[in-house]
């Protein structure tokens, strides 16, 4: 039952892998949009990073 709930909520491993690759590409190309406020830029960036962390991506603090 747990496996079914996990797949329903998180998706299959293939779906998660694909989503992770898509988000990594989005991270690599991340730029501020024309006319976007710093606050909105930061919110978008934080949202992207949170999704990547949820999918297992690790970031080193420098």
PDB file of N, CA and C in Angstrom:
ATOM      1  N   UNK A   1       0.824  -1.188   0.000  1.00  0.00           N
ATOM      2  CA  UNK A   1       0.000   0.000   0.000  1.00  0.00           C
ATOM      3  C   UNK A   1       0.875   1.262   0.000  1.00  0.00           C
ATOM      4  N   UNK A   2       1.939   1.267   0.823  1.00  0.00           N
ATOM      5  CA  UNK A   2       2.827   2.428   0.876  1.00  0.00           C
ATOM      6  C   UNK A   2       3.416   2.733  -0.498  1.00  0.00           C
ATOM      7  N   UNK A   3       3.839   1.683  -1.219  1.00  0.00           N
ATOM      8  CA  UNK A   3       4.420   1.880  -2.550  1.00  0.00           C
ATOM      9  C   UNK A   3       3.428   2.554  -3.496  1.00  0.00           C
ATOM     10  N   UNK A   4       2.182   2.135  -3.435  1.00  0.00           N
ATOM     11  CA  UNK A   4       1.147   2.727  -4.285  1.00  0.00           C
ATOM     12  C   UNK A   4       0.950   4.200  -3.954  1.00  0.00           C
ATOM     13  N   UNK A   5       0.896   4.523  -2.672  1.00  0.00           N
ATOM     14  CA  UNK A   5       0.754   5.922  -2.260  1.00  0.00           C
ATOM     15  C   UNK A   5       1.957   6.754  -2.694  1.00  0.00           C
ATOM     16  N   UNK A   6       3.147   6.178  -2.553  1.00  0.00           N
ATOM     17  CA  UNK A   6       4.360   6.899  -2.929  1.00  0.00           C
ATOM     18  C   UNK A   6       4.386   7.185  -4.433  1.00  0.00           C
ATOM     19  N   UNK A   7       4.075   6.188  -5.248  1.00  0.00           N
ATOM     20  CA  UNK A   7       4.064   6.378  -6.701  1.00  0.00           C
ATOM     21  C   UNK A   7       2.986   7.382  -7.096  1.00  0.00           C
ATOM     22  N   UNK A   8       1.819   7.295  -6.453  1.00  0.00           N
ATOM     23  CA  UNK A   8       0.732   8.223  -6.753  1.00  0.00           C
ATOM     24  C   UNK A   8       1.128   9.656  -6.412  1.00  0.00           C
ATOM     25  N   UNK A   9       1.784   9.833  -5.284  1.00  0.00           N
ATOM     26  CA  UNK A   9       2.156  11.181  -4.838  1.00  0.00           C
ATOM     27  C   UNK A   9       3.407  11.709  -5.534  1.00  0.00           C
ATOM     28  N   UNK A  10       4.438  10.879  -5.669  1.00  0.00           N
ATOM     29  CA  UNK A  10       5.734  11.333  -6.177  1.00  0.00           C
ATOM     30  C   UNK A  10       5.987  10.962  -7.629  1.00  0.00           C
ATOM     31  N   UNK A  11       5.293   9.977  -8.140  1.00  0.00           N
ATOM     32  CA  UNK A  11       5.538   9.505  -9.499  1.00  0.00           C
ATOM     33  C   UNK A  11       6.538   8.355  -9.495  1.00  0.00           C
ATOM     34  N   UNK A  12       6.665   7.701 -10.627  1.00  0.00           N
ATOM     35  CA  UNK A  12       7.614   6.601 -10.740  1.00  0.00           C
ATOM     36  C   UNK A  12       9.028   7.154 -10.754  1.00  0.00           C
ATOM     37  N   UNK A  13      10.009   6.269 -10.592  1.00  0.00           N
ATOM     38  CA  UNK A  13      11.404   6.717 -10.598  1.00  0.00           C
ATOM     39  C   UNK A  13      11.772   7.344 -11.940  1.00  0.00           C
ATOM     40  N   UNK A  14      11.206   6.832 -13.034  1.00  0.00           N
ATOM     41  CA  UNK A  14      11.473   7.423 -14.354  1.00  0.00           C
ATOM     42  C   UNK A  14      10.927   8.848 -14.445  1.00  0.00           C
ATOM     43  N   UNK A  15       9.741   9.049 -13.908  1.00  0.00           N
ATOM     44  CA  UNK A  15       9.133  10.381 -13.919  1.00  0.00           C
ATOM     45  C   UNK A  15       9.969  11.333 -13.066  1.00  0.00           C
ATOM     46  N   UNK A  16      10.398  10.873 -11.878  1.00  0.00           N
ATOM     47  CA  UNK A  16      11.213  11.715 -11.006  1.00  0.00           C
ATOM     48  C   UNK A  16      12.550  12.054 -11.657  1.00  0.00           C
ATOM     49  N   UNK A  17      13.166  11.082 -12.306  1.00  0.00           N
ATOM     50  CA  UNK A  17      14.451  11.307 -12.978  1.00  0.00           C
ATOM     51  C   UNK A  17      14.286  12.335 -14.095  1.00  0.00           C
ATOM     52  N   UNK A  18      13.227  12.184 -14.872  1.00  0.00           N
ATOM     53  CA  UNK A  18      12.959  13.120 -15.958  1.00  0.00           C
ATOM     54  C   UNK A  18      12.701  14.525 -15.417  1.00  0.00           C
ATOM     55  N   UNK A  19      11.915  14.614 -14.372  1.00  0.00           N
ATOM     56  CA  UNK A  19      11.613  15.915 -13.750  1.00  0.00           C
ATOM     57  C   UNK A  19      12.888  16.552 -13.209  1.00  0.00           C
ATOM     58  N   UNK A  20      13.733  15.738 -12.590  1.00  0.00           N
ATOM     59  CA  UNK A  20      14.992  16.244 -12.040  1.00  0.00           C
ATOM     60  C   UNK A  20      15.883  16.800 -13.148  1.00  0.00           C
ATOM     61  N   UNK A  21      15.995  16.087 -14.259  1.00  0.00           N
ATOM     62  CA  UNK A  21      16.809  16.559 -15.381  1.00  0.00           C
ATOM     63  C   UNK A  21      16.252  17.867 -15.951  1.00  0.00           C
ATOM     64  N   UNK A  22      14.933  17.955 -16.044  1.00  0.00           N
ATOM     65  CA  UNK A  22      14.299  19.177 -16.538  1.00  0.00           C
ATOM     66  C   UNK A  22      14.600  20.353 -15.615  1.00  0.00           C
ATOM     67  N   UNK A  23      14.494  20.121 -14.308  1.00  0.00           N
ATOM     68  CA  UNK A  23      14.749  21.192 -13.348  1.00  0.00           C
ATOM     69  C   UNK A  23      16.224  21.586 -13.313  1.00  0.00           C
ATOM     70  N   UNK A  24      17.124  20.623 -13.483  1.00  0.00           N
ATOM     71  CA  UNK A  24      18.555  20.937 -13.531  1.00  0.00           C
ATOM     72  C   UNK A  24      18.844  21.828 -14.731  1.00  0.00           C
ATOM     73  N   UNK A  25      18.250  21.511 -15.848  1.00  0.00           N
ATOM     74  CA  UNK A  25      18.432  22.337 -17.054  1.00  0.00           C
ATOM     75  C   UNK A  25      17.874  23.745 -16.817  1.00  0.00           C
ATOM     76  N   UNK A  26      16.712  23.814 -16.174  1.00  0.00           N
ATOM     77  CA  UNK A  26      16.113  25.106 -15.844  1.00  0.00           C
ATOM     78  C   UNK A  26      17.047  25.900 -14.918  1.00  0.00           C
ATOM     79  N   UNK A  27      17.668  25.202 -13.956  1.00  0.00           N
ATOM     80  CA  UNK A  27      18.626  25.825 -13.038  1.00  0.00           C
ATOM     81  C   UNK A  27      19.833  26.376 -13.804  1.00  0.00           C
ATOM     82  N   UNK A  28      20.354  25.586 -14.734  1.00  0.00           N
ATOM     83  CA  UNK A  28      21.527  25.993 -15.507  1.00  0.00           C
ATOM     84  C   UNK A  28      21.246  27.218 -16.377  1.00  0.00           C
ATOM     85  N   UNK A  29      20.019  27.351 -16.827  1.00  0.00           N
ATOM     86  CA  UNK A  29      19.643  28.460 -17.706  1.00  0.00           C
ATOM     87  C   UNK A  29      18.947  29.609 -16.968  1.00  0.00           C
ATOM     88  N   UNK A  30      18.882  29.511 -15.648  1.00  0.00           N
ATOM     89  CA  UNK A  30      18.111  30.463 -14.850  1.00  0.00           C
ATOM     90  C   UNK A  30      18.630  31.888 -15.027  1.00  0.00           C
ATOM     91  N   UNK A  31      17.747  32.787 -15.379  1.00  0.00           N
ATOM     92  CA  UNK A  31      18.069  34.200 -15.583  1.00  0.00           C
ATOM     93  C   UNK A  31      16.907  35.045 -15.064  1.00  0.00           C
ATOM     94  N   UNK A  32      17.234  36.264 -14.770  1.00  0.00           N
ATOM     95  CA  UNK A  32      16.205  37.206 -14.351  1.00  0.00           C
ATOM     96  C   UNK A  32      15.424  37.650 -15.582  1.00  0.00           C
ATOM     97  N   UNK A  33      14.108  37.652 -15.483  1.00  0.00           N
ATOM     98  CA  UNK A  33      13.256  38.089 -16.585  1.00  0.00           C
ATOM     99  C   UNK A  33      13.232  39.612 -16.671  1.00  0.00           C
ATOM    100  N   UNK A  34      13.067  40.104 -17.862  1.00  0.00           N
ATOM    101  CA  UNK A  34      12.982  41.543 -18.077  1.00  0.00           C
ATOM    102  C   UNK A  34      11.817  42.116 -17.275  1.00  0.00           C
ATOM    103  N   UNK A  35      12.093  43.150 -16.505  1.00  0.00           N
ATOM    104  CA  UNK A  35      11.049  43.793 -15.718  1.00  0.00           C
ATOM    105  C   UNK A  35      10.705  43.078 -14.422  1.00  0.00           C
ATOM    106  N   UNK A  36      11.372  41.981 -14.133  1.00  0.00           N
ATOM    107  CA  UNK A  36      11.082  41.202 -12.927  1.00  0.00           C
ATOM    108  C   UNK A  36      11.741  41.853 -11.711  1.00  0.00           C
ATOM    109  N   UNK A  37      11.034  41.885 -10.608  1.00  0.00           N
ATOM    110  CA  UNK A  37      11.608  42.441  -9.380  1.00  0.00           C
ATOM    111  C   UNK A  37      12.586  41.435  -8.769  1.00  0.00           C
ATOM    112  N   UNK A  38      13.491  41.941  -7.944  1.00  0.00           N
ATOM    113  CA  UNK A  38      14.440  41.077  -7.242  1.00  0.00           C
ATOM    114  C   UNK A  38      13.679  40.077  -6.372  1.00  0.00           C
ATOM    115  N   UNK A  39      12.621  40.538  -5.745  1.00  0.00           N
ATOM    116  CA  UNK A  39      11.811  39.679  -4.881  1.00  0.00           C
ATOM    117  C   UNK A  39      11.201  38.517  -5.666  1.00  0.00           C
ATOM    118  N   UNK A  40      10.629  38.804  -6.823  1.00  0.00           N
ATOM    119  CA  UNK A  40      10.032  37.750  -7.646  1.00  0.00           C
ATOM    120  C   UNK A  40      11.100  36.797  -8.180  1.00  0.00           C
ATOM    121  N   UNK A  41      12.243  37.343  -8.550  1.00  0.00           N
ATOM    122  CA  UNK A  41      13.369  36.537  -9.017  1.00  0.00           C
ATOM    123  C   UNK A  41      13.803  35.561  -7.923  1.00  0.00           C
ATOM    124  N   UNK A  42      13.943  36.070  -6.712  1.00  0.00           N
ATOM    125  CA  UNK A  42      14.362  35.244  -5.579  1.00  0.00           C
ATOM    126  C   UNK A  42      13.323  34.172  -5.263  1.00  0.00           C
ATOM    127  N   UNK A  43      12.050  34.509  -5.356  1.00  0.00           N
ATOM    128  CA  UNK A  43      10.987  33.534  -5.100  1.00  0.00           C
ATOM    129  C   UNK A  43      11.031  32.401  -6.124  1.00  0.00           C
ATOM    130  N   UNK A  44      11.208  32.759  -7.403  1.00  0.00           N
ATOM    131  CA  UNK A  44      11.298  31.731  -8.448  1.00  0.00           C
ATOM    132  C   UNK A  44      12.505  30.826  -8.217  1.00  0.00           C
ATOM    133  N   UNK A  45      13.639  31.442  -7.854  1.00  0.00           N
ATOM    134  CA  UNK A  45      14.862  30.679  -7.629  1.00  0.00           C
ATOM    135  C   UNK A  45      14.701  29.730  -6.439  1.00  0.00           C
ATOM    136  N   UNK A  46      14.158  30.235  -5.342  1.00  0.00           N
ATOM    137  CA  UNK A  46      13.933  29.404  -4.153  1.00  0.00           C
ATOM    138  C   UNK A  46      12.992  28.247  -4.468  1.00  0.00           C
ATOM    139  N   UNK A  47      11.946  28.514  -5.221  1.00  0.00           N
ATOM    140  CA  UNK A  47      10.984  27.481  -5.618  1.00  0.00           C
ATOM    141  C   UNK A  47      11.688  26.385  -6.431  1.00  0.00           C
ATOM    142  N   UNK A  48      12.526  26.799  -7.378  1.00  0.00           N
ATOM    143  CA  UNK A  48      13.275  25.854  -8.205  1.00  0.00           C
ATOM    144  C   UNK A  48      14.217  25.006  -7.350  1.00  0.00           C
ATOM    145  N   UNK A  49      14.970  25.644  -6.469  1.00  0.00           N
ATOM    146  CA  UNK A  49      15.914  24.928  -5.611  1.00  0.00           C
ATOM    147  C   UNK A  49      15.175  23.953  -4.697  1.00  0.00           C
ATOM    148  N   UNK A  50      14.067  24.370  -4.126  1.00  0.00           N
ATOM    149  CA  UNK A  50      13.293  23.486  -3.248  1.00  0.00           C
ATOM    150  C   UNK A  50      12.818  22.239  -3.984  1.00  0.00           C
ATOM    151  N   UNK A  51      12.379  22.394  -5.214  1.00  0.00           N
ATOM    152  CA  UNK A  51      11.947  21.236  -6.002  1.00  0.00           C
ATOM    153  C   UNK A  51      13.123  20.302  -6.272  1.00  0.00           C
ATOM    154  N   UNK A  52      14.274  20.865  -6.592  1.00  0.00           N
ATOM    155  CA  UNK A  52      15.459  20.040  -6.848  1.00  0.00           C
ATOM    156  C   UNK A  52      15.885  19.286  -5.588  1.00  0.00           C
ATOM    157  N   UNK A  53      15.869  19.944  -4.453  1.00  0.00           N
ATOM    158  CA  UNK A  53      16.227  19.291  -3.189  1.00  0.00           C
ATOM    159  C   UNK A  53      15.233  18.172  -2.881  1.00  0.00           C
ATOM    160  N   UNK A  54      13.949  18.418  -3.109  1.00  0.00           N
ATOM    161  CA  UNK A  54      12.925  17.386  -2.897  1.00  0.00           C
ATOM    162  C   UNK A  54      13.181  16.149  -3.751  1.00  0.00           C
ATOM    163  N   UNK A  55      13.793  16.346  -4.924  1.00  0.00           N
ATOM    164  CA  UNK A  55      14.085  15.231  -5.825  1.00  0.00           C
ATOM    165  C   UNK A  55      15.473  14.631  -5.582  1.00  0.00           C
ATOM    166  N   UNK A  56      16.151  15.094  -4.526  1.00  0.00           N
ATOM    167  CA  UNK A  56      17.420  14.484  -4.145  1.00  0.00           C
ATOM    168  C   UNK A  56      18.674  15.204  -4.609  1.00  0.00           C
ATOM    169  N   UNK A  57      18.527  16.345  -5.246  1.00  0.00           N
ATOM    170  CA  UNK A  57      19.709  17.108  -5.696  1.00  0.00           C
ATOM    171  C   UNK A  57      20.351  17.770  -4.492  1.00  0.00           C
ATOM    172  N   UNK A  58      21.673  17.644  -4.384  1.00  0.00           N
ATOM    173  CA  UNK A  58      22.392  18.254  -3.273  1.00  0.00           C
ATOM    174  C   UNK A  58      23.176  19.463  -3.772  1.00  0.00           C
ATOM    175  N   UNK A  59      23.241  20.486  -2.949  1.00  0.00           N
ATOM    176  CA  UNK A  59      23.994  21.695  -3.263  1.00  0.00           C
ATOM    177  C   UNK A  59      25.006  21.924  -2.153  1.00  0.00           C
ATOM    178  N   UNK A  60      26.232  22.251  -2.542  1.00  0.00           N
ATOM    179  CA  UNK A  60      27.272  22.538  -1.559  1.00  0.00           C
ATOM    180  C   UNK A  60      27.245  24.015  -1.205  1.00  0.00           C
ATOM    181  N   UNK A  61      27.476  24.288   0.075  1.00  0.00           N
ATOM    182  CA  UNK A  61      27.577  25.680   0.514  1.00  0.00           C
ATOM    183  C   UNK A  61      29.019  26.109   0.356  1.00  0.00           C
ATOM    184  N   UNK A  62      29.210  27.268  -0.222  1.00  0.00           N
ATOM    185  CA  UNK A  62      30.574  27.780  -0.420  1.00  0.00           C
ATOM    186  C   UNK A  62      30.829  28.959   0.465  1.00  0.00           C
TER     187      UNK A  62
END
